[in-house]
């Protein structure tokens, strides 16, 4: 094994880090999280039960023609739902652009506009 030579690289910027789930209870549910990356909300995670199973649904940030968020996937843990969103950032952002605006803007996040 060889030692690296040269100056240390700077730490990761917000644009280079993975998104993380942020707990965001709402008036209609205490089991809600959102994920944001690079100043944009990626989508929502909602914990729900289906029979004996506890699941975490991944939903779009944006609403369809009926005013509902679009279900994307379900996972068995919050970590797996977060990982799903982290691996599908581009697809989630594209899907959100095609939908009507989401009525909830968590923590005042707005899409970053580049000059």
PDB file of N, CA and C in Angstrom:
ATOM      1  N   UNK A   1       0.844  -1.164   0.000  1.00  0.00           N
ATOM      2  CA  UNK A   1       0.000   0.000   0.000  1.00  0.00           C
ATOM      3  C   UNK A   1       0.893   1.231   0.000  1.00  0.00           C
ATOM      4  N   UNK A   2       0.543   2.263  -0.799  1.00  0.00           N
ATOM      5  CA  UNK A   2       1.345   3.477  -0.862  1.00  0.00           C
ATOM      6  C   UNK A   2       0.572   4.632  -0.259  1.00  0.00           C
ATOM      7  N   UNK A   3       1.305   5.574   0.293  1.00  0.00           N
ATOM      8  CA  UNK A   3       0.676   6.768   0.853  1.00  0.00           C
ATOM      9  C   UNK A   3       0.379   7.736  -0.273  1.00  0.00           C
ATOM     10  N   UNK A   4      -0.701   8.471  -0.139  1.00  0.00           N
ATOM     11  CA  UNK A   4      -1.021   9.461  -1.165  1.00  0.00           C
ATOM     12  C   UNK A   4      -0.145  10.687  -0.961  1.00  0.00           C
ATOM     13  N   UNK A   5       0.204  11.314  -2.054  1.00  0.00           N
ATOM     14  CA  UNK A   5       1.052  12.494  -2.017  1.00  0.00           C
ATOM     15  C   UNK A   5       0.262  13.648  -2.606  1.00  0.00           C
ATOM     16  N   UNK A   6       0.406  14.818  -2.009  1.00  0.00           N
ATOM     17  CA  UNK A   6      -0.270  15.989  -2.522  1.00  0.00           C
ATOM     18  C   UNK A   6      -1.239  16.547  -1.500  1.00  0.00           C
ATOM     19  N   UNK A   7      -1.814  17.707  -1.812  1.00  0.00           N
ATOM     20  CA  UNK A   7      -2.714  18.346  -0.860  1.00  0.00           C
ATOM     21  C   UNK A   7      -4.002  17.537  -0.693  1.00  0.00           C
ATOM     22  N   UNK A   8      -4.544  17.628   0.499  1.00  0.00           N
ATOM     23  CA  UNK A   8      -5.817  16.951   0.768  1.00  0.00           C
ATOM     24  C   UNK A   8      -6.922  17.644  -0.018  1.00  0.00           C
ATOM     25  N   UNK A   9      -7.825  16.858  -0.531  1.00  0.00           N
ATOM     26  CA  UNK A   9      -8.942  17.463  -1.261  1.00  0.00           C
ATOM     27  C   UNK A   9      -9.940  18.036  -0.263  1.00  0.00           C
ATOM     28  N   UNK A  10     -10.663  19.090  -0.643  1.00  0.00           N
ATOM     29  CA  UNK A  10     -11.650  19.661   0.268  1.00  0.00           C
ATOM     30  C   UNK A  10     -12.763  18.653   0.529  1.00  0.00           C
ATOM     31  N   UNK A  11     -13.473  18.839   1.633  1.00  0.00           N
ATOM     32  CA  UNK A  11     -14.587  17.955   1.975  1.00  0.00           C
ATOM     33  C   UNK A  11     -15.702  18.065   0.957  1.00  0.00           C
ATOM     34  N   UNK A  12     -16.638  17.143   1.005  1.00  0.00           N
ATOM     35  CA  UNK A  12     -17.731  17.164   0.032  1.00  0.00           C
ATOM     36  C   UNK A  12     -18.611  18.396   0.202  1.00  0.00           C
ATOM     37  N   UNK A  13     -19.134  18.874  -0.885  1.00  0.00           N
ATOM     38  CA  UNK A  13     -20.083  19.983  -0.830  1.00  0.00           C
ATOM     39  C   UNK A  13     -21.482  19.404  -0.722  1.00  0.00           C
ATOM     40  N   UNK A  14     -22.451  20.245  -0.471  1.00  0.00           N
ATOM     41  CA  UNK A  14     -23.827  19.774  -0.380  1.00  0.00           C
ATOM     42  C   UNK A  14     -24.254  19.110  -1.685  1.00  0.00           C
ATOM     43  N   UNK A  15     -23.693  19.542  -2.808  1.00  0.00           N
ATOM     44  CA  UNK A  15     -24.062  18.964  -4.098  1.00  0.00           C
ATOM     45  C   UNK A  15     -23.514  17.551  -4.281  1.00  0.00           C
ATOM     46  N   UNK A  16     -22.496  17.177  -3.511  1.00  0.00           N
ATOM     47  CA  UNK A  16     -21.850  15.881  -3.685  1.00  0.00           C
ATOM     48  C   UNK A  16     -22.266  14.860  -2.633  1.00  0.00           C
ATOM     49  N   UNK A  17     -23.076  15.250  -1.670  1.00  0.00           N
ATOM     50  CA  UNK A  17     -23.457  14.339  -0.598  1.00  0.00           C
ATOM     51  C   UNK A  17     -24.760  13.641  -0.927  1.00  0.00           C
ATOM     52  N   UNK A  18     -24.964  12.488  -0.321  1.00  0.00           N
ATOM     53  CA  UNK A  18     -26.228  11.776  -0.495  1.00  0.00           C
ATOM     54  C   UNK A  18     -27.324  12.511   0.268  1.00  0.00           C
ATOM     55  N   UNK A  19     -28.527  12.463  -0.242  1.00  0.00           N
ATOM     56  CA  UNK A  19     -29.647  13.054   0.494  1.00  0.00           C
ATOM     57  C   UNK A  19     -29.957  12.220   1.737  1.00  0.00           C
ATOM     58  N   UNK A  20     -30.600  12.823   2.695  1.00  0.00           N
ATOM     59  CA  UNK A  20     -30.964  12.138   3.924  1.00  0.00           C
ATOM     60  C   UNK A  20     -32.434  12.379   4.234  1.00  0.00           C
ATOM     61  N   UNK A  21     -33.067  11.406   4.868  1.00  0.00           N
ATOM     62  CA  UNK A  21     -34.465  11.541   5.254  1.00  0.00           C
ATOM     63  C   UNK A  21     -34.571  12.494   6.442  1.00  0.00           C
ATOM     64  N   UNK A  22     -35.534  13.401   6.377  1.00  0.00           N
ATOM     65  CA  UNK A  22     -35.787  14.364   7.445  1.00  0.00           C
ATOM     66  C   UNK A  22     -37.202  14.124   7.954  1.00  0.00           C
ATOM     67  N   UNK A  23     -37.325  13.886   9.257  1.00  0.00           N
ATOM     68  CA  UNK A  23     -38.636  13.654   9.851  1.00  0.00           C
ATOM     69  C   UNK A  23     -39.460  14.924   9.731  1.00  0.00           C
ATOM     70  N   UNK A  24     -40.678  14.800   9.237  1.00  0.00           N
ATOM     71  CA  UNK A  24     -41.513  15.968   8.968  1.00  0.00           C
ATOM     72  C   UNK A  24     -42.979  15.635   9.227  1.00  0.00           C
ATOM     73  N   UNK A  25     -43.376  15.504  10.515  1.00  0.00           N
ATOM     74  CA  UNK A  25     -44.770  15.169  10.800  1.00  0.00           C
ATOM     75  C   UNK A  25     -45.707  16.229  10.235  1.00  0.00           C
ATOM     76  N   UNK A  26     -46.867  15.786   9.819  1.00  0.00           N
ATOM     77  CA  UNK A  26     -47.862  16.676   9.231  1.00  0.00           C
ATOM     78  C   UNK A  26     -49.155  16.563  10.025  1.00  0.00           C
ATOM     79  N   UNK A  27     -50.121  17.450   9.783  1.00  0.00           N
ATOM     80  CA  UNK A  27     -51.402  17.341  10.490  1.00  0.00           C
ATOM     81  C   UNK A  27     -52.114  16.015  10.227  1.00  0.00           C
ATOM     82  N   UNK A  28     -51.841  15.371   9.094  1.00  0.00           N
ATOM     83  CA  UNK A  28     -52.551  14.138   8.762  1.00  0.00           C
ATOM     84  C   UNK A  28     -51.768  12.875   9.104  1.00  0.00           C
ATOM     85  N   UNK A  29     -50.479  12.995   9.443  1.00  0.00           N
ATOM     86  CA  UNK A  29     -49.703  11.804   9.798  1.00  0.00           C
ATOM     87  C   UNK A  29     -48.427  12.185  10.539  1.00  0.00           C
ATOM     88  N   UNK A  30     -48.114  11.407  11.587  1.00  0.00           N
ATOM     89  CA  UNK A  30     -46.850  11.586  12.299  1.00  0.00           C
ATOM     90  C   UNK A  30     -45.738  10.745  11.694  1.00  0.00           C
ATOM     91  N   UNK A  31     -46.048   9.940  10.702  1.00  0.00           N
ATOM     92  CA  UNK A  31     -45.095   8.979  10.140  1.00  0.00           C
ATOM     93  C   UNK A  31     -44.635   9.402   8.742  1.00  0.00           C
ATOM     94  N   UNK A  32     -44.148  10.641   8.625  1.00  0.00           N
ATOM     95  CA  UNK A  32     -43.776  11.199   7.322  1.00  0.00           C
ATOM     96  C   UNK A  32     -42.348  11.748   7.376  1.00  0.00           C
ATOM     97  N   UNK A  33     -41.609  11.499   6.318  1.00  0.00           N
ATOM     98  CA  UNK A  33     -40.265  12.040   6.131  1.00  0.00           C
ATOM     99  C   UNK A  33     -40.186  12.612   4.716  1.00  0.00           C
ATOM    100  N   UNK A  34     -39.269  13.541   4.504  1.00  0.00           N
ATOM    101  CA  UNK A  34     -38.993  13.984   3.140  1.00  0.00           C
ATOM    102  C   UNK A  34     -37.496  13.881   2.925  1.00  0.00           C
ATOM    103  N   UNK A  35     -37.122  13.894   1.669  1.00  0.00           N
ATOM    104  CA  UNK A  35     -35.703  13.908   1.333  1.00  0.00           C
ATOM    105  C   UNK A  35     -35.435  15.069   0.397  1.00  0.00           C
ATOM    106  N   UNK A  36     -34.326  15.749   0.642  1.00  0.00           N
ATOM    107  CA  UNK A  36     -33.929  16.864  -0.206  1.00  0.00           C
ATOM    108  C   UNK A  36     -32.472  16.677  -0.604  1.00  0.00           C
ATOM    109  N   UNK A  37     -32.149  17.210  -1.757  1.00  0.00           N
ATOM    110  CA  UNK A  37     -30.778  17.132  -2.262  1.00  0.00           C
ATOM    111  C   UNK A  37     -30.536  18.334  -3.161  1.00  0.00           C
ATOM    112  N   UNK A  38     -29.450  19.039  -2.931  1.00  0.00           N
ATOM    113  CA  UNK A  38     -29.075  20.183  -3.755  1.00  0.00           C
ATOM    114  C   UNK A  38     -30.181  21.230  -3.798  1.00  0.00           C
ATOM    115  N   UNK A  39     -30.831  21.459  -2.660  1.00  0.00           N
ATOM    116  CA  UNK A  39     -31.858  22.486  -2.576  1.00  0.00           C
ATOM    117  C   UNK A  39     -33.200  22.107  -3.148  1.00  0.00           C
ATOM    118  N   UNK A  40     -33.392  20.840  -3.490  1.00  0.00           N
ATOM    119  CA  UNK A  40     -34.662  20.392  -4.070  1.00  0.00           C
ATOM    120  C   UNK A  40     -35.243  19.259  -3.242  1.00  0.00           C
ATOM    121  N   UNK A  41     -36.552  19.303  -3.056  1.00  0.00           N
ATOM    122  CA  UNK A  41     -37.225  18.189  -2.400  1.00  0.00           C
ATOM    123  C   UNK A  41     -37.343  17.059  -3.418  1.00  0.00           C
ATOM    124  N   UNK A  42     -36.914  15.858  -3.028  1.00  0.00           N
ATOM    125  CA  UNK A  42     -36.976  14.699  -3.929  1.00  0.00           C
ATOM    126  C   UNK A  42     -38.302  13.972  -3.836  1.00  0.00           C
ATOM    127  N   UNK A  43     -38.860  13.921  -2.656  1.00  0.00           N
ATOM    128  CA  UNK A  43     -40.093  13.174  -2.464  1.00  0.00           C
ATOM    129  C   UNK A  43     -40.356  12.925  -0.995  1.00  0.00           C
ATOM    130  N   UNK A  44     -41.369  12.139  -0.767  1.00  0.00           N
ATOM    131  CA  UNK A  44     -41.855  11.855   0.577  1.00  0.00           C
ATOM    132  C   UNK A  44     -41.747  10.368   0.875  1.00  0.00           C
ATOM    133  N   UNK A  45     -41.594  10.055   2.153  1.00  0.00           N
ATOM    134  CA  UNK A  45     -41.653   8.673   2.634  1.00  0.00           C
ATOM    135  C   UNK A  45     -42.739   8.630   3.701  1.00  0.00           C
ATOM    136  N   UNK A  46     -43.647   7.698   3.564  1.00  0.00           N
ATOM    137  CA  UNK A  46     -44.757   7.551   4.508  1.00  0.00           C
ATOM    138  C   UNK A  46     -44.767   6.132   5.053  1.00  0.00           C
ATOM    139  N   UNK A  47     -44.725   5.998   6.386  1.00  0.00           N
ATOM    140  CA  UNK A  47     -44.822   4.676   7.002  1.00  0.00           C
ATOM    141  C   UNK A  47     -46.288   4.288   7.055  1.00  0.00           C
ATOM    142  N   UNK A  48     -46.572   3.047   6.650  1.00  0.00           N
ATOM    143  CA  UNK A  48     -47.944   2.542   6.714  1.00  0.00           C
ATOM    144  C   UNK A  48     -47.925   1.050   6.985  1.00  0.00           C
ATOM    145  N   UNK A  49     -49.072   0.529   7.335  1.00  0.00           N
ATOM    146  CA  UNK A  49     -49.190  -0.901   7.607  1.00  0.00           C
ATOM    147  C   UNK A  49     -50.084  -1.536   6.564  1.00  0.00           C
ATOM    148  N   UNK A  50     -49.656  -2.700   6.119  1.00  0.00           N
ATOM    149  CA  UNK A  50     -50.439  -3.487   5.171  1.00  0.00           C
ATOM    150  C   UNK A  50     -50.573  -4.872   5.791  1.00  0.00           C
ATOM    151  N   UNK A  51     -51.717  -5.102   6.438  1.00  0.00           N
ATOM    152  CA  UNK A  51     -51.870  -6.339   7.197  1.00  0.00           C
ATOM    153  C   UNK A  51     -50.908  -6.329   8.370  1.00  0.00           C
ATOM    154  N   UNK A  52     -50.099  -7.360   8.477  1.00  0.00           N
ATOM    155  CA  UNK A  52     -49.105  -7.470   9.550  1.00  0.00           C
ATOM    156  C   UNK A  52     -47.794  -6.757   9.215  1.00  0.00           C
ATOM    157  N   UNK A  53     -47.637  -6.333   7.973  1.00  0.00           N
ATOM    158  CA  UNK A  53     -46.374  -5.729   7.527  1.00  0.00           C
ATOM    159  C   UNK A  53     -46.350  -4.228   7.782  1.00  0.00           C
ATOM    160  N   UNK A  54     -45.179  -3.738   8.180  1.00  0.00           N
ATOM    161  CA  UNK A  54     -44.923  -2.303   8.237  1.00  0.00           C
ATOM    162  C   UNK A  54     -44.107  -1.955   7.002  1.00  0.00           C
ATOM    163  N   UNK A  55     -44.567  -0.985   6.229  1.00  0.00           N
ATOM    164  CA  UNK A  55     -43.881  -0.592   4.997  1.00  0.00           C
ATOM    165  C   UNK A  55     -43.638   0.907   4.982  1.00  0.00           C
ATOM    166  N   UNK A  56     -42.701   1.311   4.138  1.00  0.00           N
ATOM    167  CA  UNK A  56     -42.375   2.719   3.950  1.00  0.00           C
ATOM    168  C   UNK A  56     -42.549   3.030   2.471  1.00  0.00           C
ATOM    169  N   UNK A  57     -43.607   3.782   2.158  1.00  0.00           N
ATOM    170  CA  UNK A  57     -43.900   4.120   0.776  1.00  0.00           C
ATOM    171  C   UNK A  57     -43.120   5.337   0.326  1.00  0.00           C
ATOM    172  N   UNK A  58     -42.627   5.289  -0.885  1.00  0.00           N
ATOM    173  CA  UNK A  58     -41.917   6.408  -1.500  1.00  0.00           C
ATOM    174  C   UNK A  58     -42.895   7.092  -2.449  1.00  0.00           C
ATOM    175  N   UNK A  59     -43.047   8.398  -2.290  1.00  0.00           N
ATOM    176  CA  UNK A  59     -43.983   9.177  -3.093  1.00  0.00           C
ATOM    177  C   UNK A  59     -43.271  10.364  -3.724  1.00  0.00           C
ATOM    178  N   UNK A  60     -43.826  10.845  -4.808  1.00  0.00           N
ATOM    179  CA  UNK A  60     -43.252  11.987  -5.520  1.00  0.00           C
ATOM    180  C   UNK A  60     -43.410  13.275  -4.728  1.00  0.00           C
ATOM    181  N   UNK A  61     -42.598  14.244  -5.074  1.00  0.00           N
ATOM    182  CA  UNK A  61     -42.801  15.619  -4.641  1.00  0.00           C
ATOM    183  C   UNK A  61     -43.506  16.282  -5.811  1.00  0.00           C
ATOM    184  N   UNK A  62     -44.800  16.427  -5.689  1.00  0.00           N
ATOM    185  CA  UNK A  62     -45.649  16.915  -6.763  1.00  0.00           C
ATOM    186  C   UNK A  62     -46.900  16.061  -6.800  1.00  0.00           C
ATOM    187  N   UNK A  63     -47.958  16.593  -7.379  1.00  0.00           N
ATOM    188  CA  UNK A  63     -49.245  15.907  -7.356  1.00  0.00           C
ATOM    189  C   UNK A  63     -49.773  15.657  -8.766  1.00  0.00           C
ATOM    190  N   UNK A  64     -50.538  14.576  -8.891  1.00  0.00           N
ATOM    191  CA  UNK A  64     -51.140  14.235 -10.179  1.00  0.00           C
ATOM    192  C   UNK A  64     -52.391  15.079 -10.420  1.00  0.00           C
ATOM    193  N   UNK A  65     -53.127  14.760 -11.488  1.00  0.00           N
ATOM    194  CA  UNK A  65     -54.313  15.547 -11.852  1.00  0.00           C
ATOM    195  C   UNK A  65     -55.423  15.474 -10.808  1.00  0.00           C
ATOM    196  N   UNK A  66     -55.375  14.477  -9.917  1.00  0.00           N
ATOM    197  CA  UNK A  66     -56.363  14.377  -8.836  1.00  0.00           C
ATOM    198  C   UNK A  66     -55.891  15.078  -7.570  1.00  0.00           C
ATOM    199  N   UNK A  67     -54.699  15.659  -7.604  1.00  0.00           N
ATOM    200  CA  UNK A  67     -54.158  16.348  -6.444  1.00  0.00           C
ATOM    201  C   UNK A  67     -53.470  15.426  -5.454  1.00  0.00           C
ATOM    202  N   UNK A  68     -53.112  14.217  -5.904  1.00  0.00           N
ATOM    203  CA  UNK A  68     -52.480  13.230  -5.030  1.00  0.00           C
ATOM    204  C   UNK A  68     -51.015  13.035  -5.398  1.00  0.00           C
ATOM    205  N   UNK A  69     -50.209  12.771  -4.384  1.00  0.00           N
ATOM    206  CA  UNK A  69     -48.819  12.411  -4.658  1.00  0.00           C
ATOM    207  C   UNK A  69     -48.796  11.026  -5.288  1.00  0.00           C
ATOM    208  N   UNK A  70     -47.843  10.786  -6.151  1.00  0.00           N
ATOM    209  CA  UNK A  70     -47.766   9.535  -6.901  1.00  0.00           C
ATOM    210  C   UNK A  70     -46.867   8.549  -6.153  1.00  0.00           C
ATOM    211  N   UNK A  71     -47.401   7.339  -5.899  1.00  0.00           N
ATOM    212  CA  UNK A  71     -46.616   6.279  -5.264  1.00  0.00           C
ATOM    213  C   UNK A  71     -45.572   5.799  -6.257  1.00  0.00           C
ATOM    214  N   UNK A  72     -44.347   5.600  -5.763  1.00  0.00           N
ATOM    215  CA  UNK A  72     -43.245   5.162  -6.609  1.00  0.00           C
ATOM    216  C   UNK A  72     -42.786   3.755  -6.233  1.00  0.00           C
ATOM    217  N   UNK A  73     -42.634   3.495  -4.945  1.00  0.00           N
ATOM    218  CA  UNK A  73     -42.132   2.198  -4.478  1.00  0.00           C
ATOM    219  C   UNK A  73     -42.450   2.048  -3.000  1.00  0.00           C
ATOM    220  N   UNK A  74     -42.345   0.836  -2.499  1.00  0.00           N
ATOM    221  CA  UNK A  74     -42.446   0.570  -1.062  1.00  0.00           C
ATOM    222  C   UNK A  74     -41.254  -0.265  -0.643  1.00  0.00           C
ATOM    223  N   UNK A  75     -40.752   0.017   0.547  1.00  0.00           N
ATOM    224  CA  UNK A  75     -39.620  -0.718   1.110  1.00  0.00           C
ATOM    225  C   UNK A  75     -39.967  -1.133   2.536  1.00  0.00           C
ATOM    226  N   UNK A  76     -39.187  -2.046   3.088  1.00  0.00           N
ATOM    227  CA  UNK A  76     -39.486  -2.595   4.405  1.00  0.00           C
ATOM    228  C   UNK A  76     -38.921  -1.783   5.561  1.00  0.00           C
ATOM    229  N   UNK A  77     -38.008  -0.859   5.290  1.00  0.00           N
ATOM    230  CA  UNK A  77     -37.447  -0.008   6.344  1.00  0.00           C
ATOM    231  C   UNK A  77     -37.290   1.414   5.816  1.00  0.00           C
ATOM    232  N   UNK A  78     -37.184   2.343   6.752  1.00  0.00           N
ATOM    233  CA  UNK A  78     -36.929   3.731   6.369  1.00  0.00           C
ATOM    234  C   UNK A  78     -35.579   3.844   5.662  1.00  0.00           C
ATOM    235  N   UNK A  79     -34.591   3.113   6.139  1.00  0.00           N
ATOM    236  CA  UNK A  79     -33.264   3.156   5.508  1.00  0.00           C
ATOM    237  C   UNK A  79     -33.323   2.679   4.059  1.00  0.00           C
ATOM    238  N   UNK A  80     -34.084   1.621   3.800  1.00  0.00           N
ATOM    239  CA  UNK A  80     -34.191   1.115   2.424  1.00  0.00           C
ATOM    240  C   UNK A  80     -34.960   2.102   1.539  1.00  0.00           C
ATOM    241  N   UNK A  81     -36.002   2.734   2.083  1.00  0.00           N
ATOM    242  CA  UNK A  81     -36.750   3.734   1.311  1.00  0.00           C
ATOM    243  C   UNK A  81     -35.851   4.930   0.997  1.00  0.00           C
ATOM    244  N   UNK A  82     -35.057   5.345   1.973  1.00  0.00           N
ATOM    245  CA  UNK A  82     -34.109   6.447   1.757  1.00  0.00           C
ATOM    246  C   UNK A  82     -33.071   6.079   0.711  1.00  0.00           C
ATOM    247  N   UNK A  83     -32.569   4.854   0.796  1.00  0.00           N
ATOM    248  CA  UNK A  83     -31.579   4.397  -0.186  1.00  0.00           C
ATOM    249  C   UNK A  83     -32.187   4.360  -1.582  1.00  0.00           C
ATOM    250  N   UNK A  84     -33.427   3.905  -1.690  1.00  0.00           N
ATOM    251  CA  UNK A  84     -34.111   3.883  -2.986  1.00  0.00           C
ATOM    252  C   UNK A  84     -34.128   5.290  -3.578  1.00  0.00           C
ATOM    253  N   UNK A  85     -34.521   6.267  -2.752  1.00  0.00           N
ATOM    254  CA  UNK A  85     -34.577   7.642  -3.246  1.00  0.00           C
ATOM    255  C   UNK A  85     -33.191   8.146  -3.621  1.00  0.00           C
ATOM    256  N   UNK A  86     -32.187   7.794  -2.820  1.00  0.00           N
ATOM    257  CA  UNK A  86     -30.824   8.217  -3.114  1.00  0.00           C
ATOM    258  C   UNK A  86     -30.309   7.676  -4.435  1.00  0.00           C
ATOM    259  N   UNK A  87     -30.716   6.466  -4.785  1.00  0.00           N
ATOM    260  CA  UNK A  87     -30.294   5.852  -6.049  1.00  0.00           C
ATOM    261  C   UNK A  87     -31.107   6.340  -7.246  1.00  0.00           C
ATOM    262  N   UNK A  88     -32.249   6.975  -6.994  1.00  0.00           N
ATOM    263  CA  UNK A  88     -33.138   7.396  -8.078  1.00  0.00           C
ATOM    264  C   UNK A  88     -33.375   8.908  -8.084  1.00  0.00           C
ATOM    265  N   UNK A  89     -32.373   9.669  -7.668  1.00  0.00           N
ATOM    266  CA  UNK A  89     -32.504  11.128  -7.590  1.00  0.00           C
ATOM    267  C   UNK A  89     -32.968  11.716  -8.919  1.00  0.00           C
ATOM    268  N   UNK A  90     -32.277  11.407  -9.984  1.00  0.00           N
ATOM    269  CA  UNK A  90     -32.589  11.994 -11.293  1.00  0.00           C
ATOM    270  C   UNK A  90     -34.020  11.671 -11.726  1.00  0.00           C
ATOM    271  N   UNK A  91     -34.427  10.412 -11.566  1.00  0.00           N
ATOM    272  CA  UNK A  91     -35.777  10.007 -11.971  1.00  0.00           C
ATOM    273  C   UNK A  91     -36.844  10.714 -11.135  1.00  0.00           C
ATOM    274  N   UNK A  92     -36.592  10.847  -9.825  1.00  0.00           N
ATOM    275  CA  UNK A  92     -37.559  11.526  -8.963  1.00  0.00           C
ATOM    276  C   UNK A  92     -37.703  12.998  -9.342  1.00  0.00           C
ATOM    277  N   UNK A  93     -36.587  13.660  -9.630  1.00  0.00           N
ATOM    278  CA  UNK A  93     -36.656  15.065 -10.036  1.00  0.00           C
ATOM    279  C   UNK A  93     -37.388  15.219 -11.368  1.00  0.00           C
ATOM    280  N   UNK A  94     -37.119  14.328 -12.311  1.00  0.00           N
ATOM    281  CA  UNK A  94     -37.812  14.382 -13.606  1.00  0.00           C
ATOM    282  C   UNK A  94     -39.311  14.178 -13.431  1.00  0.00           C
ATOM    283  N   UNK A  95     -39.678  13.208 -12.615  1.00  0.00           N
ATOM    284  CA  UNK A  95     -41.100  12.943 -12.395  1.00  0.00           C
ATOM    285  C   UNK A  95     -41.773  14.147 -11.735  1.00  0.00           C
ATOM    286  N   UNK A  96     -41.107  14.775 -10.771  1.00  0.00           N
ATOM    287  CA  UNK A  96     -41.671  15.945 -10.102  1.00  0.00           C
ATOM    288  C   UNK A  96     -41.899  17.097 -11.072  1.00  0.00           C
ATOM    289  N   UNK A  97     -41.005  17.262 -12.025  1.00  0.00           N
ATOM    290  CA  UNK A  97     -41.155  18.353 -13.004  1.00  0.00           C
ATOM    291  C   UNK A  97     -42.402  18.182 -13.864  1.00  0.00           C
ATOM    292  N   UNK A  98     -42.833  16.938 -14.072  1.00  0.00           N
ATOM    293  CA  UNK A  98     -44.013  16.676 -14.903  1.00  0.00           C
ATOM    294  C   UNK A  98     -45.322  16.774 -14.123  1.00  0.00           C
ATOM    295  N   UNK A  99     -45.240  16.921 -12.801  1.00  0.00           N
ATOM    296  CA  UNK A  99     -46.433  16.943 -11.960  1.00  0.00           C
ATOM    297  C   UNK A  99     -46.799  18.366 -11.567  1.00  0.00           C
ATOM    298  N   UNK A 100     -48.016  18.509 -11.052  1.00  0.00           N
ATOM    299  CA  UNK A 100     -48.449  19.799 -10.509  1.00  0.00           C
ATOM    300  C   UNK A 100     -47.661  20.073  -9.224  1.00  0.00           C
ATOM    301  N   UNK A 101     -47.537  21.339  -8.841  1.00  0.00           N
ATOM    302  CA  UNK A 101     -46.782  21.666  -7.628  1.00  0.00           C
ATOM    303  C   UNK A 101     -47.338  20.953  -6.394  1.00  0.00           C
ATOM    304  N   UNK A 102     -46.449  20.583  -5.506  1.00  0.00           N
ATOM    305  CA  UNK A 102     -46.838  19.973  -4.236  1.00  0.00           C
ATOM    306  C   UNK A 102     -47.327  21.089  -3.316  1.00  0.00           C
ATOM    307  N   UNK A 103     -48.438  20.886  -2.606  1.00  0.00           N
ATOM    308  CA  UNK A 103     -48.944  21.948  -1.734  1.00  0.00           C
ATOM    309  C   UNK A 103     -48.077  22.179  -0.494  1.00  0.00           C
ATOM    310  N   UNK A 104     -47.205  21.246  -0.177  1.00  0.00           N
ATOM    311  CA  UNK A 104     -46.353  21.369   1.006  1.00  0.00           C
ATOM    312  C   UNK A 104     -44.911  21.547   0.559  1.00  0.00           C
ATOM    313  N   UNK A 105     -44.266  22.563   1.086  1.00  0.00           N
ATOM    314  CA  UNK A 105     -42.860  22.813   0.794  1.00  0.00           C
ATOM    315  C   UNK A 105     -42.107  22.670   2.113  1.00  0.00           C
ATOM    316  N   UNK A 106     -41.577  21.473   2.436  1.00  0.00           N
ATOM    317  CA  UNK A 106     -40.986  21.234   3.751  1.00  0.00           C
ATOM    318  C   UNK A 106     -39.806  22.143   4.055  1.00  0.00           C
ATOM    319  N   UNK A 107     -39.851  22.705   5.225  1.00  0.00           N
ATOM    320  CA  UNK A 107     -38.770  23.564   5.720  1.00  0.00           C
ATOM    321  C   UNK A 107     -38.413  24.701   4.778  1.00  0.00           C
ATOM    322  N   UNK A 108     -39.337  25.116   3.934  1.00  0.00           N
ATOM    323  CA  UNK A 108     -39.106  26.247   3.047  1.00  0.00           C
ATOM    324  C   UNK A 108     -38.083  25.994   1.966  1.00  0.00           C
ATOM    325  N   UNK A 109     -37.848  24.724   1.610  1.00  0.00           N
ATOM    326  CA  UNK A 109     -36.875  24.433   0.562  1.00  0.00           C
ATOM    327  C   UNK A 109     -37.418  24.847  -0.797  1.00  0.00           C
ATOM    328  N   UNK A 110     -36.577  25.424  -1.586  1.00  0.00           N
ATOM    329  CA  UNK A 110     -36.947  25.816  -2.943  1.00  0.00           C
ATOM    330  C   UNK A 110     -35.892  25.287  -3.890  1.00  0.00           C
ATOM    331  N   UNK A 111     -36.304  24.973  -5.088  1.00  0.00           N
ATOM    332  CA  UNK A 111     -35.340  24.490  -6.070  1.00  0.00           C
ATOM    333  C   UNK A 111     -34.276  25.552  -6.298  1.00  0.00           C
ATOM    334  N   UNK A 112     -33.041  25.140  -6.271  1.00  0.00           N
ATOM    335  CA  UNK A 112     -31.929  26.065  -6.472  1.00  0.00           C
ATOM    336  C   UNK A 112     -31.884  26.484  -7.933  1.00  0.00           C
ATOM    337  N   UNK A 113     -31.801  27.766  -8.165  1.00  0.00           N
ATOM    338  CA  UNK A 113     -31.696  28.308  -9.528  1.00  0.00           C
ATOM    339  C   UNK A 113     -30.251  28.696  -9.783  1.00  0.00           C
ATOM    340  N   UNK A 114     -29.685  28.176 -10.835  1.00  0.00           N
ATOM    341  CA  UNK A 114     -28.296  28.510 -11.165  1.00  0.00           C
ATOM    342  C   UNK A 114     -28.279  29.771 -12.036  1.00  0.00           C
ATOM    343  N   UNK A 115     -27.324  30.632 -11.758  1.00  0.00           N
ATOM    344  CA  UNK A 115     -27.204  31.887 -12.522  1.00  0.00           C
ATOM    345  C   UNK A 115     -26.646  31.618 -13.892  1.00  0.00           C
TER     346      UNK A 115
END
